[in-house]
């Protein structure tokens, strides 16, 4: 009888050990070989793109079972790569999302990081007022991109007709537009903080501040395709969670956030880096729902060029199901307690 009791005790011990081992293995972080691989592109080295960099820097994608390759695809290239299936997600503005969606592409925004325009209209020193822009050259990134759309929204508010009074010249990203302005290749352009301050330091004039105007506009967000979400809902869910976690990390760990920002923006000094970080903290949404009013602004702007924009429902341009799941579960609120 004693030997039988000893046998059962050993059996219970063995089963307990096996169970503990199973639990330990289940809780181990997934290795990169087991993670789901995907590519995420971004269109410009600006602060509004930083949620992607920070999630990568903080190893958040890996923690959520994702092996993410981050690709810099300047301006509209990220849009084209997404539609072609060469990347699975792309950081872009509502201005790049909307035209292909109106023309039949199945692109959709799942997260919206910034819900307003941050640009300043900066002009050469001899240009003192918006009226002086008539006949002048306005530097833009790519026709239809955020800078271009923002300029066309702003200029009529200043009494300038963007189609008749000025000449738009495609230059490239903000990093290229600034030297184009300083080198007198263009007479004015739109720049975000902190880059516009370099222009001011060089004697340029700020003619308008779009951030103060508070025009609803879907700035940078995370875009994918409906076909990808339909085939890979679990991956899409984990990508959305990773970005929500990344925004929280940005707000709570300035060291990681600044390292990620500087790696991609290559800022000149600590003051500029701190200013960029504080801008991101101020404008990035903790619950990054795309702004329906901001998409409506873009559709109104497009209505003269694309007739379908006149009757389009801005709600069809977003898919917030995964963000809503996180939000309704209380997960996001718990992050900030």
C-alpha atoms as a PDB file:
ATOM      1  CA  UNK A   1       0.000   0.000   0.000  1.00  0.00           C
ATOM      2  CA  UNK A   2       2.857   2.365   0.862  1.00  0.00           C
ATOM      3  CA  UNK A   3       4.525   1.704  -2.520  1.00  0.00           C
ATOM      4  CA  UNK A   4       1.193   2.329  -4.300  1.00  0.00           C
ATOM      5  CA  UNK A   5       0.805   5.706  -2.529  1.00  0.00           C
ATOM      6  CA  UNK A   6       4.358   6.536  -3.483  1.00  0.00           C
ATOM      7  CA  UNK A   7       3.524   5.681  -7.120  1.00  0.00           C
ATOM      8  CA  UNK A   8       0.514   8.057  -7.164  1.00  0.00           C
ATOM      9  CA  UNK A   9       2.522  10.833  -5.517  1.00  0.00           C
ATOM     10  CA  UNK A  10       5.198  10.506  -8.194  1.00  0.00           C
ATOM     11  CA  UNK A  11       2.479  10.520 -10.852  1.00  0.00           C
ATOM     12  CA  UNK A  12       0.918  13.719  -9.512  1.00  0.00           C
ATOM     13  CA  UNK A  13       4.363  15.333  -9.328  1.00  0.00           C
ATOM     14  CA  UNK A  14       5.097  14.375 -12.926  1.00  0.00           C
ATOM     15  CA  UNK A  15       1.759  15.724 -14.166  1.00  0.00           C
ATOM     16  CA  UNK A  16       2.304  18.985 -12.286  1.00  0.00           C
ATOM     17  CA  UNK A  17       5.757  19.339 -13.804  1.00  0.00           C
ATOM     18  CA  UNK A  18       4.415  18.692 -17.297  1.00  0.00           C
ATOM     19  CA  UNK A  19       1.637  21.240 -16.797  1.00  0.00           C
ATOM     20  CA  UNK A  20       4.083  23.889 -15.593  1.00  0.00           C
ATOM     21  CA  UNK A  21       6.257  23.211 -18.625  1.00  0.00           C
ATOM     22  CA  UNK A  22       3.282  23.595 -20.972  1.00  0.00           C
ATOM     23  CA  UNK A  23       2.309  26.909 -19.345  1.00  0.00           C
ATOM     24  CA  UNK A  24       5.905  28.157 -19.560  1.00  0.00           C
ATOM     25  CA  UNK A  25       6.198  27.289 -23.239  1.00  0.00           C
ATOM     26  CA  UNK A  26       2.809  28.908 -24.004  1.00  0.00           C
ATOM     27  CA  UNK A  27       3.982  32.152 -22.428  1.00  0.00           C
ATOM     28  CA  UNK A  28       7.326  32.299 -24.199  1.00  0.00           C
ATOM     29  CA  UNK A  29       7.572  35.119 -26.749  1.00  0.00           C
ATOM     30  CA  UNK A  30       7.172  33.866 -30.295  1.00  0.00           C
ATOM     31  CA  UNK A  31      10.397  33.464 -32.197  1.00  0.00           C
ATOM     32  CA  UNK A  32      10.899  35.430 -35.381  1.00  0.00           C
ATOM     33  CA  UNK A  33      10.678  32.193 -37.406  1.00  0.00           C
ATOM     34  CA  UNK A  34       7.177  31.568 -36.055  1.00  0.00           C
ATOM     35  CA  UNK A  35       6.043  35.161 -36.469  1.00  0.00           C
ATOM     36  CA  UNK A  36       3.860  36.310 -39.341  1.00  0.00           C
ATOM     37  CA  UNK A  37       5.930  38.266 -41.834  1.00  0.00           C
ATOM     38  CA  UNK A  38       4.646  41.421 -43.450  1.00  0.00           C
ATOM     39  CA  UNK A  39       5.816  44.703 -44.906  1.00  0.00           C
ATOM     40  CA  UNK A  40       4.668  48.134 -43.765  1.00  0.00           C
ATOM     41  CA  UNK A  41       5.618  51.192 -45.785  1.00  0.00           C
ATOM     42  CA  UNK A  42       5.660  54.878 -44.922  1.00  0.00           C
ATOM     43  CA  UNK A  43       5.708  57.864 -47.230  1.00  0.00           C
ATOM     44  CA  UNK A  44       7.819  60.588 -45.599  1.00  0.00           C
ATOM     45  CA  UNK A  45      10.396  61.038 -42.797  1.00  0.00           C
ATOM     46  CA  UNK A  46       8.093  63.269 -40.734  1.00  0.00           C
ATOM     47  CA  UNK A  47       6.935  63.153 -37.125  1.00  0.00           C
ATOM     48  CA  UNK A  48       3.431  61.964 -38.019  1.00  0.00           C
ATOM     49  CA  UNK A  49       4.905  58.714 -39.383  1.00  0.00           C
ATOM     50  CA  UNK A  50       6.645  57.959 -36.071  1.00  0.00           C
ATOM     51  CA  UNK A  51       4.121  55.464 -34.594  1.00  0.00           C
ATOM     52  CA  UNK A  52       5.475  52.843 -37.018  1.00  0.00           C
ATOM     53  CA  UNK A  53       9.113  53.524 -36.134  1.00  0.00           C
ATOM     54  CA  UNK A  54       8.427  53.476 -32.407  1.00  0.00           C
ATOM     55  CA  UNK A  55       6.533  50.178 -32.537  1.00  0.00           C
ATOM     56  CA  UNK A  56       9.504  48.692 -34.399  1.00  0.00           C
ATOM     57  CA  UNK A  57      12.116  50.232 -32.096  1.00  0.00           C
ATOM     58  CA  UNK A  58      10.290  49.001 -29.001  1.00  0.00           C
ATOM     59  CA  UNK A  59      10.022  45.414 -30.374  1.00  0.00           C
ATOM     60  CA  UNK A  60       6.242  45.650 -30.069  1.00  0.00           C
ATOM     61  CA  UNK A  61       5.543  43.953 -33.389  1.00  0.00           C
ATOM     62  CA  UNK A  62       7.647  40.961 -32.336  1.00  0.00           C
ATOM     63  CA  UNK A  63       5.807  40.831 -29.011  1.00  0.00           C
ATOM     64  CA  UNK A  64       2.560  40.496 -30.954  1.00  0.00           C
ATOM     65  CA  UNK A  65       3.867  37.685 -33.155  1.00  0.00           C
ATOM     66  CA  UNK A  66       4.739  39.845 -36.162  1.00  0.00           C
ATOM     67  CA  UNK A  67       7.950  40.008 -38.157  1.00  0.00           C
ATOM     68  CA  UNK A  68       7.673  43.448 -39.772  1.00  0.00           C
ATOM     69  CA  UNK A  69       9.889  44.906 -42.458  1.00  0.00           C
ATOM     70  CA  UNK A  70       9.646  48.704 -42.439  1.00  0.00           C
ATOM     71  CA  UNK A  71      10.069  50.350 -45.858  1.00  0.00           C
ATOM     72  CA  UNK A  72      10.465  54.006 -46.790  1.00  0.00           C
ATOM     73  CA  UNK A  73       8.522  54.533 -50.021  1.00  0.00           C
ATOM     74  CA  UNK A  74       8.464  58.226 -50.752  1.00  0.00           C
ATOM     75  CA  UNK A  75       5.088  59.936 -51.121  1.00  0.00           C
ATOM     76  CA  UNK A  76       2.653  58.208 -53.495  1.00  0.00           C
ATOM     77  CA  UNK A  77       4.885  55.138 -53.907  1.00  0.00           C
ATOM     78  CA  UNK A  78       3.524  53.725 -50.665  1.00  0.00           C
ATOM     79  CA  UNK A  79       0.010  54.017 -52.104  1.00  0.00           C
ATOM     80  CA  UNK A  80       0.974  52.180 -55.286  1.00  0.00           C
ATOM     81  CA  UNK A  81       2.882  49.453 -53.442  1.00  0.00           C
ATOM     82  CA  UNK A  82      -0.121  48.773 -51.211  1.00  0.00           C
ATOM     83  CA  UNK A  83      -2.558  48.512 -54.111  1.00  0.00           C
ATOM     84  CA  UNK A  84      -0.128  46.209 -55.950  1.00  0.00           C
ATOM     85  CA  UNK A  85       0.159  43.942 -52.890  1.00  0.00           C
ATOM     86  CA  UNK A  86       3.881  44.564 -52.467  1.00  0.00           C
ATOM     87  CA  UNK A  87       3.259  45.777 -48.915  1.00  0.00           C
ATOM     88  CA  UNK A  88       0.414  44.787 -46.600  1.00  0.00           C
ATOM     89  CA  UNK A  89       0.008  48.086 -44.714  1.00  0.00           C
ATOM     90  CA  UNK A  90       1.051  51.640 -45.386  1.00  0.00           C
ATOM     91  CA  UNK A  91       1.187  54.837 -43.380  1.00  0.00           C
ATOM     92  CA  UNK A  92      -0.368  57.561 -45.521  1.00  0.00           C
ATOM     93  CA  UNK A  93      -2.772  60.470 -45.353  1.00  0.00           C
ATOM     94  CA  UNK A  94      -6.421  60.516 -46.254  1.00  0.00           C
ATOM     95  CA  UNK A  95      -5.384  62.549 -49.301  1.00  0.00           C
ATOM     96  CA  UNK A  96      -3.523  59.532 -50.710  1.00  0.00           C
ATOM     97  CA  UNK A  97      -6.162  57.041 -49.584  1.00  0.00           C
ATOM     98  CA  UNK A  98      -9.181  58.741 -51.140  1.00  0.00           C
ATOM     99  CA  UNK A  99      -8.552  58.998 -54.925  1.00  0.00           C
ATOM    100  CA  UNK A 100      -7.787  55.288 -55.493  1.00  0.00           C
ATOM    101  CA  UNK A 101     -10.689  54.330 -53.232  1.00  0.00           C
ATOM    102  CA  UNK A 102     -13.013  56.513 -55.286  1.00  0.00           C
ATOM    103  CA  UNK A 103     -11.703  54.865 -58.434  1.00  0.00           C
ATOM    104  CA  UNK A 104     -12.364  51.312 -57.271  1.00  0.00           C
ATOM    105  CA  UNK A 105      -9.347  50.235 -55.194  1.00  0.00           C
ATOM    106  CA  UNK A 106     -10.229  48.418 -51.955  1.00  0.00           C
ATOM    107  CA  UNK A 107      -7.910  50.492 -49.724  1.00  0.00           C
ATOM    108  CA  UNK A 108      -9.242  51.320 -46.270  1.00  0.00           C
ATOM    109  CA  UNK A 109      -7.900  53.171 -43.205  1.00  0.00           C
ATOM    110  CA  UNK A 110      -7.862  51.165 -39.964  1.00  0.00           C
ATOM    111  CA  UNK A 111      -6.150  53.750 -37.733  1.00  0.00           C
ATOM    112  CA  UNK A 112      -5.888  57.528 -37.868  1.00  0.00           C
ATOM    113  CA  UNK A 113      -2.960  58.932 -35.914  1.00  0.00           C
ATOM    114  CA  UNK A 114      -3.432  62.683 -36.493  1.00  0.00           C
ATOM    115  CA  UNK A 115      -6.743  64.435 -37.221  1.00  0.00           C
ATOM    116  CA  UNK A 116      -5.544  67.883 -38.302  1.00  0.00           C
ATOM    117  CA  UNK A 117      -3.094  69.660 -40.564  1.00  0.00           C
ATOM    118  CA  UNK A 118       0.133  70.871 -38.962  1.00  0.00           C
ATOM    119  CA  UNK A 119       1.678  72.787 -41.868  1.00  0.00           C
ATOM    120  CA  UNK A 120       2.907  76.367 -41.927  1.00  0.00           C
ATOM    121  CA  UNK A 121       2.931  78.289 -45.201  1.00  0.00           C
ATOM    122  CA  UNK A 122       6.469  79.661 -45.402  1.00  0.00           C
ATOM    123  CA  UNK A 123       7.658  82.118 -48.055  1.00  0.00           C
ATOM    124  CA  UNK A 124      10.815  83.951 -49.075  1.00  0.00           C
ATOM    125  CA  UNK A 125      11.676  87.103 -47.135  1.00  0.00           C
ATOM    126  CA  UNK A 126      10.427  89.546 -49.781  1.00  0.00           C
ATOM    127  CA  UNK A 127       6.949  87.932 -49.703  1.00  0.00           C
ATOM    128  CA  UNK A 128       5.207  89.651 -46.804  1.00  0.00           C
ATOM    129  CA  UNK A 129       1.569  88.611 -47.314  1.00  0.00           C
ATOM    130  CA  UNK A 130      -0.503  85.996 -49.102  1.00  0.00           C
ATOM    131  CA  UNK A 131      -1.426  88.484 -51.839  1.00  0.00           C
ATOM    132  CA  UNK A 132       2.258  88.629 -52.777  1.00  0.00           C
ATOM    133  CA  UNK A 133       2.133  84.947 -53.767  1.00  0.00           C
ATOM    134  CA  UNK A 134       0.320  85.656 -57.016  1.00  0.00           C
ATOM    135  CA  UNK A 135       2.460  84.556 -59.926  1.00  0.00           C
ATOM    136  CA  UNK A 136       4.897  82.783 -57.598  1.00  0.00           C
ATOM    137  CA  UNK A 137       6.095  79.154 -57.435  1.00  0.00           C
ATOM    138  CA  UNK A 138       4.725  76.930 -54.677  1.00  0.00           C
ATOM    139  CA  UNK A 139       6.778  73.861 -53.822  1.00  0.00           C
ATOM    140  CA  UNK A 140       4.813  70.646 -53.247  1.00  0.00           C
ATOM    141  CA  UNK A 141       5.716  67.005 -52.714  1.00  0.00           C
ATOM    142  CA  UNK A 142       3.563  65.165 -55.248  1.00  0.00           C
ATOM    143  CA  UNK A 143       0.303  66.261 -56.821  1.00  0.00           C
ATOM    144  CA  UNK A 144      -2.520  64.879 -54.702  1.00  0.00           C
ATOM    145  CA  UNK A 145      -0.366  64.192 -51.616  1.00  0.00           C
ATOM    146  CA  UNK A 146      -0.990  65.826 -48.225  1.00  0.00           C
ATOM    147  CA  UNK A 147       1.137  68.936 -48.831  1.00  0.00           C
ATOM    148  CA  UNK A 148      -0.522  69.515 -52.185  1.00  0.00           C
ATOM    149  CA  UNK A 149      -4.043  69.049 -50.806  1.00  0.00           C
ATOM    150  CA  UNK A 150      -3.274  71.227 -47.797  1.00  0.00           C
ATOM    151  CA  UNK A 151      -2.005  74.043 -50.006  1.00  0.00           C
ATOM    152  CA  UNK A 152      -5.120  73.881 -52.184  1.00  0.00           C
ATOM    153  CA  UNK A 153      -7.311  74.004 -49.079  1.00  0.00           C
ATOM    154  CA  UNK A 154      -5.365  76.888 -47.547  1.00  0.00           C
ATOM    155  CA  UNK A 155      -4.802  79.272 -50.461  1.00  0.00           C
ATOM    156  CA  UNK A 156      -8.492  80.084 -51.164  1.00  0.00           C
ATOM    157  CA  UNK A 157      -8.864  80.978 -47.478  1.00  0.00           C
ATOM    158  CA  UNK A 158      -6.101  83.550 -48.055  1.00  0.00           C
ATOM    159  CA  UNK A 159      -7.675  84.976 -51.185  1.00  0.00           C
ATOM    160  CA  UNK A 160      -5.383  83.126 -53.598  1.00  0.00           C
ATOM    161  CA  UNK A 161      -6.728  80.872 -56.372  1.00  0.00           C
ATOM    162  CA  UNK A 162      -4.519  77.745 -56.412  1.00  0.00           C
ATOM    163  CA  UNK A 163      -5.426  76.968 -60.035  1.00  0.00           C
ATOM    164  CA  UNK A 164      -4.838  80.441 -61.506  1.00  0.00           C
ATOM    165  CA  UNK A 165      -2.735  82.619 -59.217  1.00  0.00           C
ATOM    166  CA  UNK A 166       0.255  80.373 -58.428  1.00  0.00           C
ATOM    167  CA  UNK A 167       2.450  77.737 -60.071  1.00  0.00           C
ATOM    168  CA  UNK A 168       2.862  74.402 -58.294  1.00  0.00           C
ATOM    169  CA  UNK A 169       6.190  72.618 -58.674  1.00  0.00           C
ATOM    170  CA  UNK A 170       6.691  69.003 -57.558  1.00  0.00           C
ATOM    171  CA  UNK A 171       9.888  68.768 -55.514  1.00  0.00           C
ATOM    172  CA  UNK A 172       9.664  65.834 -53.094  1.00  0.00           C
ATOM    173  CA  UNK A 173       9.338  65.283 -49.343  1.00  0.00           C
ATOM    174  CA  UNK A 174       9.641  68.036 -46.721  1.00  0.00           C
ATOM    175  CA  UNK A 175      13.314  67.185 -46.367  1.00  0.00           C
ATOM    176  CA  UNK A 176      13.703  68.230 -50.028  1.00  0.00           C
ATOM    177  CA  UNK A 177      11.261  71.144 -49.956  1.00  0.00           C
ATOM    178  CA  UNK A 178      13.182  73.023 -47.284  1.00  0.00           C
ATOM    179  CA  UNK A 179      16.451  73.277 -49.271  1.00  0.00           C
ATOM    180  CA  UNK A 180      14.397  74.084 -52.389  1.00  0.00           C
ATOM    181  CA  UNK A 181      12.929  77.074 -50.544  1.00  0.00           C
ATOM    182  CA  UNK A 182      16.288  78.137 -49.095  1.00  0.00           C
ATOM    183  CA  UNK A 183      17.893  77.772 -52.517  1.00  0.00           C
ATOM    184  CA  UNK A 184      15.182  79.900 -54.187  1.00  0.00           C
ATOM    185  CA  UNK A 185      14.021  77.041 -56.408  1.00  0.00           C
ATOM    186  CA  UNK A 186      10.522  77.849 -55.119  1.00  0.00           C
ATOM    187  CA  UNK A 187       9.071  80.975 -53.551  1.00  0.00           C
ATOM    188  CA  UNK A 188       6.938  79.330 -50.890  1.00  0.00           C
ATOM    189  CA  UNK A 189       6.011  75.924 -49.541  1.00  0.00           C
ATOM    190  CA  UNK A 190       4.302  74.136 -46.650  1.00  0.00           C
ATOM    191  CA  UNK A 191       6.451  72.771 -43.820  1.00  0.00           C
ATOM    192  CA  UNK A 192       5.566  71.086 -40.536  1.00  0.00           C
ATOM    193  CA  UNK A 193       7.242  71.623 -37.170  1.00  0.00           C
ATOM    194  CA  UNK A 194      10.107  71.597 -36.500  1.00  0.00           C
ATOM    195  CA  UNK A 195      11.373  72.064 -40.084  1.00  0.00           C
ATOM    196  CA  UNK A 196       9.582  75.338 -40.702  1.00  0.00           C
ATOM    197  CA  UNK A 197      11.671  76.950 -37.933  1.00  0.00           C
ATOM    198  CA  UNK A 198      14.823  76.410 -39.967  1.00  0.00           C
ATOM    199  CA  UNK A 199      13.244  78.473 -42.721  1.00  0.00           C
ATOM    200  CA  UNK A 200      12.304  81.189 -40.235  1.00  0.00           C
ATOM    201  CA  UNK A 201      15.871  81.233 -38.892  1.00  0.00           C
ATOM    202  CA  UNK A 202      17.036  81.792 -42.479  1.00  0.00           C
ATOM    203  CA  UNK A 203      14.813  84.869 -42.804  1.00  0.00           C
ATOM    204  CA  UNK A 204      11.697  83.360 -44.343  1.00  0.00           C
ATOM    205  CA  UNK A 205       8.196  84.520 -43.390  1.00  0.00           C
ATOM    206  CA  UNK A 206       5.332  82.420 -42.006  1.00  0.00           C
ATOM    207  CA  UNK A 207       2.221  83.548 -43.863  1.00  0.00           C
ATOM    208  CA  UNK A 208      -0.281  81.110 -42.319  1.00  0.00           C
ATOM    209  CA  UNK A 209      -0.527  78.408 -39.667  1.00  0.00           C
ATOM    210  CA  UNK A 210      -2.885  75.607 -40.676  1.00  0.00           C
ATOM    211  CA  UNK A 211      -2.740  74.039 -37.219  1.00  0.00           C
ATOM    212  CA  UNK A 212      -4.300  77.158 -35.702  1.00  0.00           C
ATOM    213  CA  UNK A 213      -7.039  77.125 -38.342  1.00  0.00           C
ATOM    214  CA  UNK A 214      -8.101  73.694 -37.067  1.00  0.00           C
ATOM    215  CA  UNK A 215      -9.366  72.455 -40.435  1.00  0.00           C
ATOM    216  CA  UNK A 216     -10.663  68.853 -40.064  1.00  0.00           C
ATOM    217  CA  UNK A 217      -8.346  66.687 -42.135  1.00  0.00           C
ATOM    218  CA  UNK A 218      -7.345  63.045 -41.992  1.00  0.00           C
ATOM    219  CA  UNK A 219      -3.603  63.343 -41.715  1.00  0.00           C
ATOM    220  CA  UNK A 220      -1.411  60.257 -41.341  1.00  0.00           C
ATOM    221  CA  UNK A 221      -3.133  56.950 -40.656  1.00  0.00           C
ATOM    222  CA  UNK A 222      -2.613  53.238 -41.212  1.00  0.00           C
ATOM    223  CA  UNK A 223      -4.074  51.896 -44.457  1.00  0.00           C
ATOM    224  CA  UNK A 224      -4.493  48.351 -45.746  1.00  0.00           C
ATOM    225  CA  UNK A 225      -6.748  46.604 -48.249  1.00  0.00           C
ATOM    226  CA  UNK A 226     -10.074  44.957 -47.614  1.00  0.00           C
ATOM    227  CA  UNK A 227      -8.874  41.797 -49.318  1.00  0.00           C
ATOM    228  CA  UNK A 228      -5.946  41.526 -46.881  1.00  0.00           C
ATOM    229  CA  UNK A 229      -8.188  42.068 -43.850  1.00  0.00           C
ATOM    230  CA  UNK A 230     -10.684  39.525 -45.206  1.00  0.00           C
ATOM    231  CA  UNK A 231      -7.999  36.844 -45.551  1.00  0.00           C
ATOM    232  CA  UNK A 232      -5.932  37.772 -42.479  1.00  0.00           C
ATOM    233  CA  UNK A 233      -8.164  39.236 -39.756  1.00  0.00           C
ATOM    234  CA  UNK A 234      -5.965  37.937 -36.933  1.00  0.00           C
ATOM    235  CA  UNK A 235      -2.842  39.543 -38.398  1.00  0.00           C
ATOM    236  CA  UNK A 236      -4.723  42.811 -38.927  1.00  0.00           C
ATOM    237  CA  UNK A 237      -5.935  42.659 -35.326  1.00  0.00           C
ATOM    238  CA  UNK A 238      -2.372  42.240 -34.024  1.00  0.00           C
ATOM    239  CA  UNK A 239      -1.055  45.028 -36.253  1.00  0.00           C
ATOM    240  CA  UNK A 240      -3.678  47.422 -34.875  1.00  0.00           C
ATOM    241  CA  UNK A 241      -2.838  46.396 -31.310  1.00  0.00           C
ATOM    242  CA  UNK A 242       0.866  46.936 -32.016  1.00  0.00           C
ATOM    243  CA  UNK A 243       0.267  50.515 -33.110  1.00  0.00           C
ATOM    244  CA  UNK A 244      -1.942  51.224 -30.088  1.00  0.00           C
ATOM    245  CA  UNK A 245       0.829  49.802 -27.879  1.00  0.00           C
ATOM    246  CA  UNK A 246       3.392  51.856 -29.797  1.00  0.00           C
ATOM    247  CA  UNK A 247       1.529  55.111 -29.165  1.00  0.00           C
ATOM    248  CA  UNK A 248       1.389  54.245 -25.477  1.00  0.00           C
ATOM    249  CA  UNK A 249       5.122  53.503 -25.518  1.00  0.00           C
ATOM    250  CA  UNK A 250       5.748  56.868 -27.172  1.00  0.00           C
ATOM    251  CA  UNK A 251       3.894  58.630 -24.375  1.00  0.00           C
ATOM    252  CA  UNK A 252       5.578  56.724 -21.552  1.00  0.00           C
ATOM    253  CA  UNK A 253       9.120  56.080 -22.787  1.00  0.00           C
ATOM    254  CA  UNK A 254      10.684  59.169 -24.337  1.00  0.00           C
ATOM    255  CA  UNK A 255      14.066  57.474 -24.714  1.00  0.00           C
ATOM    256  CA  UNK A 256      12.796  54.756 -27.059  1.00  0.00           C
ATOM    257  CA  UNK A 257      10.551  57.223 -28.901  1.00  0.00           C
ATOM    258  CA  UNK A 258      13.334  59.734 -29.495  1.00  0.00           C
ATOM    259  CA  UNK A 259      15.736  57.030 -30.614  1.00  0.00           C
ATOM    260  CA  UNK A 260      13.201  55.870 -33.219  1.00  0.00           C
ATOM    261  CA  UNK A 261      12.447  59.407 -34.384  1.00  0.00           C
ATOM    262  CA  UNK A 262      16.091  60.337 -34.741  1.00  0.00           C
ATOM    263  CA  UNK A 263      16.937  57.106 -36.549  1.00  0.00           C
ATOM    264  CA  UNK A 264      14.526  57.995 -39.350  1.00  0.00           C
ATOM    265  CA  UNK A 265      14.477  61.807 -39.330  1.00  0.00           C
ATOM    266  CA  UNK A 266      18.174  62.359 -38.528  1.00  0.00           C
ATOM    267  CA  UNK A 267      17.612  65.600 -36.666  1.00  0.00           C
ATOM    268  CA  UNK A 268      20.514  67.921 -36.017  1.00  0.00           C
ATOM    269  CA  UNK A 269      20.403  68.474 -32.280  1.00  0.00           C
ATOM    270  CA  UNK A 270      18.725  67.521 -29.008  1.00  0.00           C
ATOM    271  CA  UNK A 271      16.528  70.626 -28.995  1.00  0.00           C
ATOM    272  CA  UNK A 272      15.055  69.778 -32.385  1.00  0.00           C
ATOM    273  CA  UNK A 273      14.560  66.165 -31.335  1.00  0.00           C
ATOM    274  CA  UNK A 274      12.783  67.204 -28.137  1.00  0.00           C
ATOM    275  CA  UNK A 275      10.549  69.593 -30.069  1.00  0.00           C
ATOM    276  CA  UNK A 276       9.606  66.854 -32.541  1.00  0.00           C
ATOM    277  CA  UNK A 277       8.854  64.442 -29.706  1.00  0.00           C
ATOM    278  CA  UNK A 278       6.660  66.980 -27.907  1.00  0.00           C
ATOM    279  CA  UNK A 279       4.787  67.688 -31.149  1.00  0.00           C
ATOM    280  CA  UNK A 280       4.068  63.986 -31.556  1.00  0.00           C
ATOM    281  CA  UNK A 281       2.865  63.690 -27.961  1.00  0.00           C
ATOM    282  CA  UNK A 282       0.559  66.631 -28.521  1.00  0.00           C
ATOM    283  CA  UNK A 283      -1.075  65.514 -31.764  1.00  0.00           C
ATOM    284  CA  UNK A 284      -0.987  61.688 -31.806  1.00  0.00           C
ATOM    285  CA  UNK A 285      -4.306  60.184 -30.708  1.00  0.00           C
ATOM    286  CA  UNK A 286      -4.253  57.623 -27.879  1.00  0.00           C
ATOM    287  CA  UNK A 287      -7.401  56.116 -29.396  1.00  0.00           C
ATOM    288  CA  UNK A 288      -6.484  56.532 -33.057  1.00  0.00           C
ATOM    289  CA  UNK A 289      -9.865  56.548 -34.759  1.00  0.00           C
ATOM    290  CA  UNK A 290      -9.796  58.011 -38.280  1.00  0.00           C
ATOM    291  CA  UNK A 291     -11.713  61.282 -38.479  1.00  0.00           C
ATOM    292  CA  UNK A 292     -14.837  61.044 -40.619  1.00  0.00           C
ATOM    293  CA  UNK A 293     -15.061  64.841 -40.810  1.00  0.00           C
ATOM    294  CA  UNK A 294     -11.437  64.925 -41.962  1.00  0.00           C
ATOM    295  CA  UNK A 295     -12.135  62.489 -44.788  1.00  0.00           C
ATOM    296  CA  UNK A 296     -15.216  64.526 -45.704  1.00  0.00           C
ATOM    297  CA  UNK A 297     -12.965  67.596 -46.105  1.00  0.00           C
ATOM    298  CA  UNK A 298     -10.791  65.665 -48.536  1.00  0.00           C
ATOM    299  CA  UNK A 299     -13.771  64.344 -50.508  1.00  0.00           C
ATOM    300  CA  UNK A 300     -15.182  67.848 -50.839  1.00  0.00           C
ATOM    301  CA  UNK A 301     -11.828  69.011 -52.179  1.00  0.00           C
ATOM    302  CA  UNK A 302     -11.758  66.150 -54.699  1.00  0.00           C
ATOM    303  CA  UNK A 303     -15.318  66.556 -55.937  1.00  0.00           C
ATOM    304  CA  UNK A 304     -14.369  68.797 -58.877  1.00  0.00           C
ATOM    305  CA  UNK A 305     -11.787  66.278 -60.107  1.00  0.00           C
ATOM    306  CA  UNK A 306     -13.491  62.967 -59.299  1.00  0.00           C
ATOM    307  CA  UNK A 307     -17.302  63.080 -59.645  1.00  0.00           C
ATOM    308  CA  UNK A 308     -17.735  60.025 -57.372  1.00  0.00           C
ATOM    309  CA  UNK A 309     -16.453  62.122 -54.441  1.00  0.00           C
ATOM    310  CA  UNK A 310     -19.685  64.162 -54.440  1.00  0.00           C
ATOM    311  CA  UNK A 311     -21.815  61.221 -53.297  1.00  0.00           C
ATOM    312  CA  UNK A 312     -19.202  59.097 -51.504  1.00  0.00           C
ATOM    313  CA  UNK A 313     -19.826  58.112 -47.882  1.00  0.00           C
ATOM    314  CA  UNK A 314     -16.676  58.893 -45.829  1.00  0.00           C
ATOM    315  CA  UNK A 315     -17.540  56.028 -43.458  1.00  0.00           C
ATOM    316  CA  UNK A 316     -16.803  53.566 -46.259  1.00  0.00           C
ATOM    317  CA  UNK A 317     -13.186  54.730 -46.304  1.00  0.00           C
ATOM    318  CA  UNK A 318     -12.470  53.377 -42.801  1.00  0.00           C
ATOM    319  CA  UNK A 319     -12.605  50.028 -41.019  1.00  0.00           C
ATOM    320  CA  UNK A 320     -12.296  50.463 -37.262  1.00  0.00           C
ATOM    321  CA  UNK A 321     -13.549  47.040 -36.149  1.00  0.00           C
ATOM    322  CA  UNK A 322     -10.225  45.989 -34.578  1.00  0.00           C
ATOM    323  CA  UNK A 323      -9.694  49.313 -32.825  1.00  0.00           C
ATOM    324  CA  UNK A 324     -13.272  49.155 -31.545  1.00  0.00           C
ATOM    325  CA  UNK A 325     -12.616  45.671 -30.147  1.00  0.00           C
ATOM    326  CA  UNK A 326      -9.635  46.960 -28.173  1.00  0.00           C
ATOM    327  CA  UNK A 327     -11.480  50.064 -27.053  1.00  0.00           C
ATOM    328  CA  UNK A 328     -14.668  48.295 -25.919  1.00  0.00           C
ATOM    329  CA  UNK A 329     -12.649  45.682 -24.033  1.00  0.00           C
ATOM    330  CA  UNK A 330     -11.150  48.468 -21.910  1.00  0.00           C
ATOM    331  CA  UNK A 331      -7.622  47.593 -23.076  1.00  0.00           C
ATOM    332  CA  UNK A 332      -6.651  51.114 -24.159  1.00  0.00           C
ATOM    333  CA  UNK A 333      -8.017  52.728 -20.990  1.00  0.00           C
ATOM    334  CA  UNK A 334      -6.068  50.238 -18.865  1.00  0.00           C
ATOM    335  CA  UNK A 335      -2.831  51.157 -20.643  1.00  0.00           C
ATOM    336  CA  UNK A 336      -3.065  54.707 -19.318  1.00  0.00           C
ATOM    337  CA  UNK A 337      -4.094  53.981 -15.735  1.00  0.00           C
END
